[in-house]
Structure formats: C-alpha cells, structure tokens
Amino acid sequence: MAKSASLQSRAARSHNTVSWKDYYEMTKPNVVMLLLLTALVGMCLATPNWVNAMTLISGLIGIGMLSASAAVINHVVDHKIDSVMARTFNRPVAKGKVSINNALWFAGILGVVGFAVLAVFVNMLTAWLTFASLVGYAFVYTMYLKRATPQNIVIGGLAGAAPPLLGWTAVTGEIHAHALLLVLIIFTWTPPHFWALAIHREKDYAKAKVPMLPVTHGVSFTKTSVLAYTVLLGLVCLLPYLTGMSDMIYLVGSSALNIGFLLYALKLKFAADEQTAMKTFRFSIIHLMVLFVVLLLDHYIPVSL
C-alpha cells in the first residue's frame, strides 16, 4: 500500500510539472521540420513559377499538423518501449508527464485541424494522402511492423517518404512521376539512415525486444546492409538528372553528398569505432537536408552543359 501511494504521488507530481514543452516534444519537431522541407521542395518543383502563398502556407500547416499528430501517436503506442531505452526513456508519455488520454486528445486535435486545413484550403487529394501517411506511420509501422519484422523500417519508410508527393499534389492536385521519384529517394535513404542509429542503439532495442535488424541479424550484417543501400541510394539519386527533372547543380551537389555518405558507410563496415554509427546517422540527416536544398537551387537556377 505504501509503495502504491508513493507511485501515485510521484505520478501526480510528474503530471503537475507538465508544460507546453512536453507537448511540443511529442510532435518530434526536428523530424517534422525535415519532412516539411521535403514537402516544400515538392511544392516548388511542381511548378515553374512561385508557389501560391495560400497553397504554400496552408499546405505546410496541414502537412505539418498531421505529421505532428502521427508523432504524438507514436509516443503513445511506444511508451512502454521508450521507457526501457536510454535514448527515449525521458519522453513525456514514457516518463508519465503527459497522460495517454491527454496525448491522444492532442493528437486528435492536431489531426482533425490539419486535415481540415488541407481539405478546405488545398485539395482533398492532398488531405487524404497525408492522412494515409499518418495511418501508415502511426498505426501500420508503429503498431505492427516495428514489432513484427526486421524489415520494419524498409516497409514502413514509405509513410515517411511521402511529404514531397504531398507538396506536389498540394500545388497540382495530381500525382506525377517526378513526385514519385522524390518519394523513391527518401524511401531508399531511410534504411541506411535508421540502421546506422539502430547499430548504435542495438543493446537498447534488444532490451526492449524490438526486432531491429542488428538485433535479429547481427551488427555485421546490418553494416553490410547500410553499405548496400547507400550504393543503391547513389544510383537512385542519379535519376532526377537522367530523367531531365534536374540539371547540373543537382548532379554535382547530389554526387558529392552521396560520395560522402558512401565514405561513412565504408568506414562503418570496415573501420568503425564506437562513434562511427552515430556519426553516419547524423551525416545522413545532413545529406537529405542538403540534397533537397540542392534540388531547390537547381530548380530556380538552372545550369546545364
């Protein structure tokens, strides 16, 4: 009884200290900002002119809110796993700062408002595609794939790869092959990006009984997979130039970025130290950010041979 009362008292103190920062943290703002960057580039590449201000602002708000909603649901679904992992044990729901009910209400409000913004001010295609991405990440990946297969991040990565397509459809109201090519780039980038982190946190995932690739197939096999996908990513990143979607600025910039990623993957496989996996993970984020910025520059400053 005394132990139970102590736990309740601690939980009450934890709830009393909740702040807006805890709710903000649940939205995974850094991840959402990266998604919005890729959505913005999708918008800009969809038109030779400047994007209409209403479409630009409403599209980014709606996509951002639905992405944030998916992130909050992820915090709720994974709170037990998060509580035993060093990287995530201090998250608001895992720590008990925000209750599951309050987190779900927050996710619901973000999702409903985000969908409404897209439906009213953008178009229904973008609204439904963004909602489908939420379902794919928050439910199909987080609830099922993450716990079911070591290929979870490969299959589930499709949801996280959707923002450039969402940006494109926000401007045009239709799905285009060039937009799908942008999706393919992020889809191919996701496994080496996430597996590098999974290697660094392999013991955490094993402790939480999450079947990430390093846990089920070993770190050495995962390093080989990171290298293979990095090579594949380099080839996929050539497609925008080869299909005439982009020009020389993109070709030079993307080639430099992919060579850098490949060097990290080679070091991870053949000469890794304790920090190589995490350095590879961090570089992968820079890689994607700069790659999409280069796509944007190439679109507005065309240079060809």
C-alpha atoms as a PDB file:
ATOM      1  CA  MET A   1       0.000   0.000   0.000  1.00  0.00           C
ATOM      2  CA  ALA A   2       2.783   2.404   0.894  1.00  0.00           C
ATOM      3  CA  LYS A   3       4.595   1.611  -2.339  1.00  0.00           C
ATOM      4  CA  SER A   4       1.406   2.181  -4.346  1.00  0.00           C
ATOM      5  CA  ALA A   5       0.793   5.524  -2.630  1.00  0.00           C
ATOM      6  CA  SER A   6       4.379   6.541  -3.354  1.00  0.00           C
ATOM      7  CA  LEU A   7       3.986   5.715  -7.039  1.00  0.00           C
ATOM      8  CA  GLN A   8       0.723   7.659  -7.233  1.00  0.00           C
ATOM      9  CA  SER A   9       2.333  10.631  -5.501  1.00  0.00           C
ATOM     10  CA  ARG A  10       5.257  10.574  -7.918  1.00  0.00           C
ATOM     11  CA  ALA A  11       2.895  10.329 -10.902  1.00  0.00           C
ATOM     12  CA  ALA A  12       0.863  13.243  -9.566  1.00  0.00           C
ATOM     13  CA  ARG A  13       3.982  15.376  -9.173  1.00  0.00           C
ATOM     14  CA  SER A  14       5.015  14.400 -12.682  1.00  0.00           C
ATOM     15  CA  HIS A  15       1.644  15.454 -14.128  1.00  0.00           C
ATOM     16  CA  ASN A  16       1.732  18.702 -12.209  1.00  0.00           C
ATOM     17  CA  THR A  17       5.022  19.659 -13.849  1.00  0.00           C
ATOM     18  CA  VAL A  18       3.750  19.193 -17.407  1.00  0.00           C
ATOM     19  CA  SER A  19       4.342  22.164 -19.697  1.00  0.00           C
ATOM     20  CA  TRP A  20       3.841  23.175 -23.304  1.00  0.00           C
ATOM     21  CA  LYS A  21       7.392  21.972 -23.937  1.00  0.00           C
ATOM     22  CA  ASP A  22       6.300  18.400 -23.224  1.00  0.00           C
ATOM     23  CA  TYR A  23       3.538  18.630 -25.809  1.00  0.00           C
ATOM     24  CA  TYR A  24       5.937  20.270 -28.250  1.00  0.00           C
ATOM     25  CA  GLU A  25       8.464  17.465 -27.726  1.00  0.00           C
ATOM     26  CA  MET A  26       5.820  14.833 -28.521  1.00  0.00           C
ATOM     27  CA  THR A  27       5.402  16.312 -32.007  1.00  0.00           C
ATOM     28  CA  LYS A  28       9.050  15.436 -32.828  1.00  0.00           C
ATOM     29  CA  PRO A  29       9.674  18.952 -34.172  1.00  0.00           C
ATOM     30  CA  ASN A  30      13.067  18.194 -35.725  1.00  0.00           C
ATOM     31  CA  VAL A  31      11.626  15.303 -37.713  1.00  0.00           C
ATOM     32  CA  VAL A  32       8.576  17.315 -38.757  1.00  0.00           C
ATOM     33  CA  MET A  33      10.754  20.216 -39.909  1.00  0.00           C
ATOM     34  CA  LEU A  34      12.765  17.856 -42.125  1.00  0.00           C
ATOM     35  CA  LEU A  35       9.536  16.438 -43.551  1.00  0.00           C
ATOM     36  CA  LEU A  36       8.273  19.955 -44.236  1.00  0.00           C
ATOM     37  CA  LEU A  37      11.492  20.830 -46.051  1.00  0.00           C
ATOM     38  CA  THR A  38      10.948  17.908 -48.419  1.00  0.00           C
ATOM     39  CA  ALA A  39       7.276  18.879 -48.814  1.00  0.00           C
ATOM     40  CA  LEU A  40       8.293  22.465 -49.636  1.00  0.00           C
ATOM     41  CA  VAL A  41      10.685  21.247 -52.310  1.00  0.00           C
ATOM     42  CA  GLY A  42       7.927  19.046 -53.729  1.00  0.00           C
ATOM     43  CA  MET A  43       5.702  22.123 -53.957  1.00  0.00           C
ATOM     44  CA  CYS A  44       8.335  24.226 -55.681  1.00  0.00           C
ATOM     45  CA  LEU A  45       9.347  21.542 -58.176  1.00  0.00           C
ATOM     46  CA  ALA A  46       5.704  21.053 -59.149  1.00  0.00           C
ATOM     47  CA  THR A  47       5.531  24.462 -60.835  1.00  0.00           C
ATOM     48  CA  PRO A  48       7.915  26.601 -62.924  1.00  0.00           C
ATOM     49  CA  ASN A  49       6.585  29.666 -61.111  1.00  0.00           C
ATOM     50  CA  TRP A  50       6.447  30.661 -57.448  1.00  0.00           C
ATOM     51  CA  VAL A  51       4.007  28.663 -55.351  1.00  0.00           C
ATOM     52  CA  ASN A  52       0.763  30.441 -54.495  1.00  0.00           C
ATOM     53  CA  ALA A  53       1.082  31.873 -50.964  1.00  0.00           C
ATOM     54  CA  MET A  54      -2.208  30.382 -49.698  1.00  0.00           C
ATOM     55  CA  THR A  55      -1.306  26.939 -51.015  1.00  0.00           C
ATOM     56  CA  LEU A  56       2.212  27.182 -49.605  1.00  0.00           C
ATOM     57  CA  ILE A  57       1.186  28.249 -46.103  1.00  0.00           C
ATOM     58  CA  SER A  58      -1.932  26.073 -45.827  1.00  0.00           C
ATOM     59  CA  GLY A  59      -0.169  23.058 -47.295  1.00  0.00           C
ATOM     60  CA  LEU A  60       2.775  23.248 -44.910  1.00  0.00           C
ATOM     61  CA  ILE A  61       0.496  23.858 -41.902  1.00  0.00           C
ATOM     62  CA  GLY A  62      -1.781  20.937 -42.758  1.00  0.00           C
ATOM     63  CA  ILE A  63       1.030  18.503 -43.593  1.00  0.00           C
ATOM     64  CA  GLY A  64       2.929  19.623 -40.506  1.00  0.00           C
ATOM     65  CA  MET A  65      -0.039  19.169 -38.171  1.00  0.00           C
ATOM     66  CA  LEU A  66      -0.869  15.693 -39.454  1.00  0.00           C
ATOM     67  CA  SER A  67       2.817  14.710 -39.247  1.00  0.00           C
ATOM     68  CA  ALA A  68       2.912  16.020 -35.671  1.00  0.00           C
ATOM     69  CA  SER A  69      -0.252  14.069 -34.869  1.00  0.00           C
ATOM     70  CA  ALA A  70       1.397  10.868 -36.125  1.00  0.00           C
ATOM     71  CA  ALA A  71       4.442  11.614 -33.956  1.00  0.00           C
ATOM     72  CA  VAL A  72       2.285  12.024 -30.833  1.00  0.00           C
ATOM     73  CA  ILE A  73       0.512   8.729 -31.532  1.00  0.00           C
ATOM     74  CA  ASN A  74       3.946   7.141 -31.895  1.00  0.00           C
ATOM     75  CA  HIS A  75       4.833   8.426 -28.401  1.00  0.00           C
ATOM     76  CA  VAL A  76       1.668   6.827 -27.005  1.00  0.00           C
ATOM     77  CA  VAL A  77       1.973   3.466 -28.751  1.00  0.00           C
ATOM     78  CA  ASP A  78       5.681   3.153 -27.966  1.00  0.00           C
ATOM     79  CA  HIS A  79       5.639   4.496 -24.410  1.00  0.00           C
ATOM     80  CA  LYS A  80       6.446   1.113 -22.843  1.00  0.00           C
ATOM     81  CA  ILE A  81       9.300   0.506 -25.275  1.00  0.00           C
ATOM     82  CA  ASP A  82      10.516   4.081 -24.804  1.00  0.00           C
ATOM     83  CA  SER A  83      10.604   3.668 -21.032  1.00  0.00           C
ATOM     84  CA  VAL A  84      13.336   0.995 -21.187  1.00  0.00           C
ATOM     85  CA  MET A  85      15.543   2.611 -23.840  1.00  0.00           C
ATOM     86  CA  ALA A  86      18.256   5.106 -22.938  1.00  0.00           C
ATOM     87  CA  ARG A  87      17.504   7.301 -25.959  1.00  0.00           C
ATOM     88  CA  THR A  88      13.786   7.635 -25.221  1.00  0.00           C
ATOM     89  CA  PHE A  89      13.091   6.928 -21.526  1.00  0.00           C
ATOM     90  CA  ASN A  90      12.653  10.631 -20.769  1.00  0.00           C
ATOM     91  CA  ARG A  91       9.918  11.226 -23.354  1.00  0.00           C
ATOM     92  CA  PRO A  92       6.797  12.865 -21.856  1.00  0.00           C
ATOM     93  CA  VAL A  93       4.427   9.881 -22.117  1.00  0.00           C
ATOM     94  CA  ALA A  94       7.069   7.310 -21.193  1.00  0.00           C
ATOM     95  CA  LYS A  95       8.028   9.425 -18.184  1.00  0.00           C
ATOM     96  CA  GLY A  96       4.402   9.951 -17.156  1.00  0.00           C
ATOM     97  CA  LYS A  97       4.477  13.727 -17.570  1.00  0.00           C
ATOM     98  CA  VAL A  98       1.646  13.578 -20.105  1.00  0.00           C
ATOM     99  CA  SER A  99      -1.136  11.016 -19.697  1.00  0.00           C
ATOM    100  CA  ILE A 100      -2.090   8.713 -22.538  1.00  0.00           C
ATOM    101  CA  ASN A 101      -5.576  10.256 -22.733  1.00  0.00           C
ATOM    102  CA  ASN A 102      -4.223  13.804 -22.936  1.00  0.00           C
ATOM    103  CA  ALA A 103      -1.686  12.787 -25.572  1.00  0.00           C
ATOM    104  CA  LEU A 104      -4.396  11.128 -27.672  1.00  0.00           C
ATOM    105  CA  TRP A 105      -6.623  14.191 -27.388  1.00  0.00           C
ATOM    106  CA  PHE A 106      -3.709  16.328 -28.505  1.00  0.00           C
ATOM    107  CA  ALA A 107      -3.008  14.009 -31.441  1.00  0.00           C
ATOM    108  CA  GLY A 108      -6.685  14.014 -32.395  1.00  0.00           C
ATOM    109  CA  ILE A 109      -6.930  17.809 -32.389  1.00  0.00           C
ATOM    110  CA  LEU A 110      -3.764  18.157 -34.465  1.00  0.00           C
ATOM    111  CA  GLY A 111      -5.002  15.549 -36.929  1.00  0.00           C
ATOM    112  CA  VAL A 112      -8.522  16.929 -37.347  1.00  0.00           C
ATOM    113  CA  VAL A 113      -7.370  20.535 -37.728  1.00  0.00           C
ATOM    114  CA  GLY A 114      -4.577  19.553 -40.097  1.00  0.00           C
ATOM    115  CA  PHE A 115      -6.913  17.509 -42.292  1.00  0.00           C
ATOM    116  CA  ALA A 116      -9.470  20.335 -42.327  1.00  0.00           C
ATOM    117  CA  VAL A 117      -6.853  22.886 -43.382  1.00  0.00           C
ATOM    118  CA  LEU A 118      -5.770  20.697 -46.293  1.00  0.00           C
ATOM    119  CA  ALA A 119      -9.325  19.841 -47.306  1.00  0.00           C
ATOM    120  CA  VAL A 120     -10.584  23.442 -47.223  1.00  0.00           C
ATOM    121  CA  PHE A 121      -7.585  25.449 -48.387  1.00  0.00           C
ATOM    122  CA  VAL A 122      -5.585  22.975 -50.509  1.00  0.00           C
ATOM    123  CA  ASN A 123      -7.348  19.936 -52.025  1.00  0.00           C
ATOM    124  CA  MET A 124      -8.896  16.633 -50.963  1.00  0.00           C
ATOM    125  CA  LEU A 125      -6.236  14.519 -52.689  1.00  0.00           C
ATOM    126  CA  THR A 126      -3.527  16.031 -50.506  1.00  0.00           C
ATOM    127  CA  ALA A 127      -5.708  15.748 -47.404  1.00  0.00           C
ATOM    128  CA  TRP A 128      -6.361  12.045 -47.923  1.00  0.00           C
ATOM    129  CA  LEU A 129      -2.783  11.212 -48.942  1.00  0.00           C
ATOM    130  CA  THR A 130      -1.463  12.977 -45.839  1.00  0.00           C
ATOM    131  CA  PHE A 131      -3.983  11.128 -43.672  1.00  0.00           C
ATOM    132  CA  ALA A 132      -2.898   7.861 -45.290  1.00  0.00           C
ATOM    133  CA  SER A 133       0.705   8.697 -44.371  1.00  0.00           C
ATOM    134  CA  LEU A 134      -0.386   9.249 -40.775  1.00  0.00           C
ATOM    135  CA  VAL A 135      -2.083   5.855 -40.708  1.00  0.00           C
ATOM    136  CA  GLY A 136       0.957   4.231 -42.323  1.00  0.00           C
ATOM    137  CA  TYR A 137       3.408   5.624 -39.784  1.00  0.00           C
ATOM    138  CA  ALA A 138       1.376   5.779 -36.575  1.00  0.00           C
ATOM    139  CA  PHE A 139      -0.523   2.510 -36.964  1.00  0.00           C
ATOM    140  CA  VAL A 140       0.881   0.195 -39.673  1.00  0.00           C
ATOM    141  CA  TYR A 141       4.545   0.867 -38.815  1.00  0.00           C
ATOM    142  CA  THR A 142       4.439   1.709 -35.115  1.00  0.00           C
ATOM    143  CA  MET A 143       1.753  -0.751 -34.009  1.00  0.00           C
ATOM    144  CA  TYR A 144       2.561  -3.688 -36.294  1.00  0.00           C
ATOM    145  CA  LEU A 145       5.675  -3.595 -38.478  1.00  0.00           C
ATOM    146  CA  LYS A 146       8.039  -2.298 -35.804  1.00  0.00           C
ATOM    147  CA  ARG A 147       7.254  -5.296 -33.637  1.00  0.00           C
ATOM    148  CA  ALA A 148       6.797  -7.872 -36.397  1.00  0.00           C
ATOM    149  CA  THR A 149       9.774  -7.842 -38.771  1.00  0.00           C
ATOM    150  CA  PRO A 150      13.386  -6.638 -39.030  1.00  0.00           C
ATOM    151  CA  GLN A 151      12.376  -5.113 -42.368  1.00  0.00           C
ATOM    152  CA  ASN A 152      10.071  -2.767 -40.447  1.00  0.00           C
ATOM    153  CA  ILE A 153      11.889   0.412 -41.418  1.00  0.00           C
ATOM    154  CA  VAL A 154      12.102  -0.602 -45.087  1.00  0.00           C
ATOM    155  CA  ILE A 155       8.366  -1.180 -45.457  1.00  0.00           C
ATOM    156  CA  GLY A 156       7.275   1.495 -43.003  1.00  0.00           C
ATOM    157  CA  GLY A 157       9.650   4.021 -44.550  1.00  0.00           C
ATOM    158  CA  LEU A 158       7.158   4.628 -47.328  1.00  0.00           C
ATOM    159  CA  ALA A 159       4.997   6.726 -44.996  1.00  0.00           C
ATOM    160  CA  GLY A 160       7.915   8.950 -44.063  1.00  0.00           C
ATOM    161  CA  ALA A 161       8.865   9.302 -47.729  1.00  0.00           C
ATOM    162  CA  ALA A 162       5.517  10.795 -48.742  1.00  0.00           C
ATOM    163  CA  PRO A 163       5.952  14.556 -47.977  1.00  0.00           C
ATOM    164  CA  PRO A 164       7.450  15.557 -51.378  1.00  0.00           C
ATOM    165  CA  LEU A 165       4.473  13.885 -53.051  1.00  0.00           C
ATOM    166  CA  LEU A 166       2.122  15.705 -50.677  1.00  0.00           C
ATOM    167  CA  GLY A 167       3.762  19.000 -51.545  1.00  0.00           C
ATOM    168  CA  TRP A 168       3.460  18.239 -55.251  1.00  0.00           C
ATOM    169  CA  THR A 169      -0.218  17.314 -55.071  1.00  0.00           C
ATOM    170  CA  ALA A 170      -0.906  20.403 -52.951  1.00  0.00           C
ATOM    171  CA  VAL A 171       0.161  22.544 -55.920  1.00  0.00           C
ATOM    172  CA  THR A 172      -1.072  20.472 -58.862  1.00  0.00           C
ATOM    173  CA  GLY A 173      -3.876  18.325 -57.469  1.00  0.00           C
ATOM    174  CA  GLU A 174      -2.411  15.287 -59.209  1.00  0.00           C
ATOM    175  CA  ILE A 175       0.238  12.603 -58.761  1.00  0.00           C
ATOM    176  CA  HIS A 176       3.218  12.930 -61.107  1.00  0.00           C
ATOM    177  CA  ALA A 177       6.139  10.590 -61.855  1.00  0.00           C
ATOM    178  CA  HIS A 178       8.645  13.241 -60.759  1.00  0.00           C
ATOM    179  CA  ALA A 179       6.969  13.434 -57.365  1.00  0.00           C
ATOM    180  CA  LEU A 180       7.170   9.661 -57.026  1.00  0.00           C
ATOM    181  CA  LEU A 181      10.873   9.892 -57.859  1.00  0.00           C
ATOM    182  CA  LEU A 182      11.359  12.197 -54.874  1.00  0.00           C
ATOM    183  CA  VAL A 183       9.493   9.647 -52.743  1.00  0.00           C
ATOM    184  CA  LEU A 184      11.810   6.921 -54.045  1.00  0.00           C
ATOM    185  CA  ILE A 185      14.878   8.901 -52.970  1.00  0.00           C
ATOM    186  CA  ILE A 186      13.662   9.208 -49.370  1.00  0.00           C
ATOM    187  CA  PHE A 187      12.400   5.614 -49.367  1.00  0.00           C
ATOM    188  CA  THR A 188      15.898   4.401 -50.348  1.00  0.00           C
ATOM    189  CA  TRP A 189      17.606   6.789 -47.921  1.00  0.00           C
ATOM    190  CA  THR A 190      15.596   5.664 -44.882  1.00  0.00           C
ATOM    191  CA  PRO A 191      17.130   2.192 -44.243  1.00  0.00           C
ATOM    192  CA  PRO A 192      20.811   3.263 -44.098  1.00  0.00           C
ATOM    193  CA  HIS A 193      19.795   6.336 -42.119  1.00  0.00           C
ATOM    194  CA  PHE A 194      17.873   4.408 -39.471  1.00  0.00           C
ATOM    195  CA  TRP A 195      20.000   1.261 -39.377  1.00  0.00           C
ATOM    196  CA  ALA A 196      23.040   3.378 -38.521  1.00  0.00           C
ATOM    197  CA  LEU A 197      21.152   4.556 -35.430  1.00  0.00           C
ATOM    198  CA  ALA A 198      19.949   1.019 -34.733  1.00  0.00           C
ATOM    199  CA  ILE A 199      23.555  -0.223 -34.737  1.00  0.00           C
ATOM    200  CA  HIS A 200      24.492   2.429 -32.187  1.00  0.00           C
ATOM    201  CA  ARG A 201      21.468   1.532 -30.041  1.00  0.00           C
ATOM    202  CA  GLU A 202      21.479  -2.231 -30.653  1.00  0.00           C
ATOM    203  CA  LYS A 203      21.534  -3.115 -26.942  1.00  0.00           C
ATOM    204  CA  ASP A 204      18.594  -0.802 -26.278  1.00  0.00           C
ATOM    205  CA  TYR A 205      16.493  -2.431 -28.991  1.00  0.00           C
ATOM    206  CA  ALA A 206      17.435  -5.890 -27.746  1.00  0.00           C
ATOM    207  CA  LYS A 207      16.426  -4.899 -24.212  1.00  0.00           C
ATOM    208  CA  ALA A 208      13.098  -3.557 -25.483  1.00  0.00           C
ATOM    209  CA  LYS A 209      12.609  -6.732 -27.586  1.00  0.00           C
ATOM    210  CA  VAL A 210      12.185  -4.750 -30.805  1.00  0.00           C
ATOM    211  CA  PRO A 211      13.312  -6.868 -33.805  1.00  0.00           C
ATOM    212  CA  MET A 212      15.517  -4.265 -35.450  1.00  0.00           C
ATOM    213  CA  LEU A 213      17.973  -5.657 -37.990  1.00  0.00           C
ATOM    214  CA  PRO A 214      21.067  -5.512 -35.721  1.00  0.00           C
ATOM    215  CA  VAL A 215      19.157  -7.494 -33.080  1.00  0.00           C
ATOM    216  CA  THR A 216      17.848 -10.214 -35.412  1.00  0.00           C
ATOM    217  CA  HIS A 217      20.683 -10.497 -37.949  1.00  0.00           C
ATOM    218  CA  GLY A 218      23.676  -9.050 -36.137  1.00  0.00           C
ATOM    219  CA  VAL A 219      25.627  -5.824 -36.391  1.00  0.00           C
ATOM    220  CA  SER A 220      27.951  -7.054 -39.155  1.00  0.00           C
ATOM    221  CA  PHE A 221      25.044  -7.953 -41.451  1.00  0.00           C
ATOM    222  CA  THR A 222      23.409  -4.604 -40.726  1.00  0.00           C
ATOM    223  CA  LYS A 223      26.606  -2.752 -41.641  1.00  0.00           C
ATOM    224  CA  THR A 224      26.652  -4.607 -44.964  1.00  0.00           C
ATOM    225  CA  SER A 225      23.013  -3.646 -45.500  1.00  0.00           C
ATOM    226  CA  VAL A 226      23.786   0.005 -44.763  1.00  0.00           C
ATOM    227  CA  LEU A 227      26.581  -0.089 -47.354  1.00  0.00           C
ATOM    228  CA  ALA A 228      24.385  -1.813 -49.967  1.00  0.00           C
ATOM    229  CA  TYR A 229      21.529   0.649 -49.520  1.00  0.00           C
ATOM    230  CA  THR A 230      23.939   3.582 -49.636  1.00  0.00           C
ATOM    231  CA  VAL A 231      25.202   2.390 -53.021  1.00  0.00           C
ATOM    232  CA  LEU A 232      21.607   1.956 -54.167  1.00  0.00           C
ATOM    233  CA  LEU A 233      20.793   5.461 -52.910  1.00  0.00           C
ATOM    234  CA  GLY A 234      23.614   6.877 -55.009  1.00  0.00           C
ATOM    235  CA  LEU A 235      22.141   5.255 -58.105  1.00  0.00           C
ATOM    236  CA  VAL A 236      18.587   6.377 -57.323  1.00  0.00           C
ATOM    237  CA  CYS A 237      19.802   9.935 -56.773  1.00  0.00           C
ATOM    238  CA  LEU A 238      21.055   9.984 -60.367  1.00  0.00           C
ATOM    239  CA  LEU A 239      17.534   9.533 -61.701  1.00  0.00           C
ATOM    240  CA  PRO A 240      16.380  13.177 -61.389  1.00  0.00           C
ATOM    241  CA  TYR A 241      19.247  14.197 -63.672  1.00  0.00           C
ATOM    242  CA  LEU A 242      18.912  11.247 -66.055  1.00  0.00           C
ATOM    243  CA  THR A 243      15.177  11.833 -66.495  1.00  0.00           C
ATOM    244  CA  GLY A 244      15.616  15.548 -67.167  1.00  0.00           C
ATOM    245  CA  MET A 245      13.951  16.555 -63.917  1.00  0.00           C
ATOM    246  CA  SER A 246      17.066  18.387 -62.717  1.00  0.00           C
ATOM    247  CA  ASP A 247      20.289  19.870 -64.070  1.00  0.00           C
ATOM    248  CA  MET A 248      23.987  20.255 -63.321  1.00  0.00           C
ATOM    249  CA  ILE A 249      23.692  21.941 -59.930  1.00  0.00           C
ATOM    250  CA  TYR A 250      21.772  18.932 -58.654  1.00  0.00           C
ATOM    251  CA  LEU A 251      24.085  16.411 -60.345  1.00  0.00           C
ATOM    252  CA  VAL A 252      27.221  17.913 -58.806  1.00  0.00           C
ATOM    253  CA  GLY A 253      25.670  18.512 -55.387  1.00  0.00           C
ATOM    254  CA  SER A 254      23.987  15.126 -55.070  1.00  0.00           C
ATOM    255  CA  SER A 255      27.112  13.305 -56.269  1.00  0.00           C
ATOM    256  CA  ALA A 256      29.229  14.995 -53.603  1.00  0.00           C
ATOM    257  CA  LEU A 257      26.672  14.172 -50.914  1.00  0.00           C
ATOM    258  CA  ASN A 258      26.385  10.539 -51.992  1.00  0.00           C
ATOM    259  CA  ILE A 259      30.159  10.118 -52.065  1.00  0.00           C
ATOM    260  CA  GLY A 260      30.256  11.482 -48.519  1.00  0.00           C
ATOM    261  CA  PHE A 261      27.532   9.064 -47.397  1.00  0.00           C
ATOM    262  CA  LEU A 262      29.361   6.180 -49.093  1.00  0.00           C
ATOM    263  CA  LEU A 263      32.604   7.036 -47.272  1.00  0.00           C
ATOM    264  CA  TYR A 264      30.757   6.928 -43.948  1.00  0.00           C
ATOM    265  CA  ALA A 265      29.150   3.593 -44.874  1.00  0.00           C
ATOM    266  CA  LEU A 266      32.521   2.137 -45.882  1.00  0.00           C
ATOM    267  CA  LYS A 267      34.083   3.244 -42.616  1.00  0.00           C
ATOM    268  CA  LEU A 268      31.129   1.812 -40.707  1.00  0.00           C
ATOM    269  CA  LYS A 269      31.613  -1.541 -42.413  1.00  0.00           C
ATOM    270  CA  PHE A 270      35.398  -1.861 -42.447  1.00  0.00           C
ATOM    271  CA  ALA A 271      36.941   0.546 -39.926  1.00  0.00           C
ATOM    272  CA  ALA A 272      34.311   1.501 -37.366  1.00  0.00           C
ATOM    273  CA  ASP A 273      34.938   2.838 -33.904  1.00  0.00           C
ATOM    274  CA  GLU A 274      32.371   3.428 -31.149  1.00  0.00           C
ATOM    275  CA  GLN A 275      31.123   6.683 -32.673  1.00  0.00           C
ATOM    276  CA  THR A 276      31.056   5.772 -36.377  1.00  0.00           C
ATOM    277  CA  ALA A 277      27.462   4.548 -36.419  1.00  0.00           C
ATOM    278  CA  MET A 278      26.167   7.705 -34.748  1.00  0.00           C
ATOM    279  CA  LYS A 279      28.279   9.920 -37.000  1.00  0.00           C
ATOM    280  CA  THR A 280      26.859   8.089 -40.012  1.00  0.00           C
ATOM    281  CA  PHE A 281      23.335   8.634 -38.710  1.00  0.00           C
ATOM    282  CA  ARG A 282      23.951  12.351 -38.193  1.00  0.00           C
ATOM    283  CA  PHE A 283      25.523  12.754 -41.620  1.00  0.00           C
ATOM    284  CA  SER A 284      22.543  11.023 -43.209  1.00  0.00           C
ATOM    285  CA  ILE A 285      20.272  13.783 -41.861  1.00  0.00           C
ATOM    286  CA  ILE A 286      22.554  16.460 -43.285  1.00  0.00           C
ATOM    287  CA  HIS A 287      22.653  14.503 -46.549  1.00  0.00           C
ATOM    288  CA  LEU A 288      18.890  14.579 -47.007  1.00  0.00           C
ATOM    289  CA  MET A 289      18.508  18.203 -45.946  1.00  0.00           C
ATOM    290  CA  VAL A 290      21.209  19.464 -48.287  1.00  0.00           C
ATOM    291  CA  LEU A 291      20.094  17.173 -51.117  1.00  0.00           C
ATOM    292  CA  PHE A 292      16.639  18.751 -51.138  1.00  0.00           C
ATOM    293  CA  VAL A 293      18.079  22.249 -50.839  1.00  0.00           C
ATOM    294  CA  VAL A 294      20.237  21.463 -53.877  1.00  0.00           C
ATOM    295  CA  LEU A 295      17.134  20.277 -55.729  1.00  0.00           C
ATOM    296  CA  LEU A 296      15.509  23.604 -54.913  1.00  0.00           C
ATOM    297  CA  LEU A 297      18.517  25.645 -56.064  1.00  0.00           C
ATOM    298  CA  ASP A 298      18.739  23.622 -59.244  1.00  0.00           C
ATOM    299  CA  HIS A 299      15.073  24.301 -59.965  1.00  0.00           C
ATOM    300  CA  TYR A 300      15.405  28.072 -59.691  1.00  0.00           C
ATOM    301  CA  ILE A 301      18.970  28.423 -61.015  1.00  0.00           C
ATOM    302  CA  PRO A 302      19.130  26.005 -63.961  1.00  0.00           C
ATOM    303  CA  VAL A 303      22.636  25.342 -65.270  1.00  0.00           C
ATOM    304  CA  SER A 304      23.191  22.770 -67.996  1.00  0.00           C
ATOM    305  CA  LEU A 305      26.041  21.675 -70.240  1.00  0.00           C
END
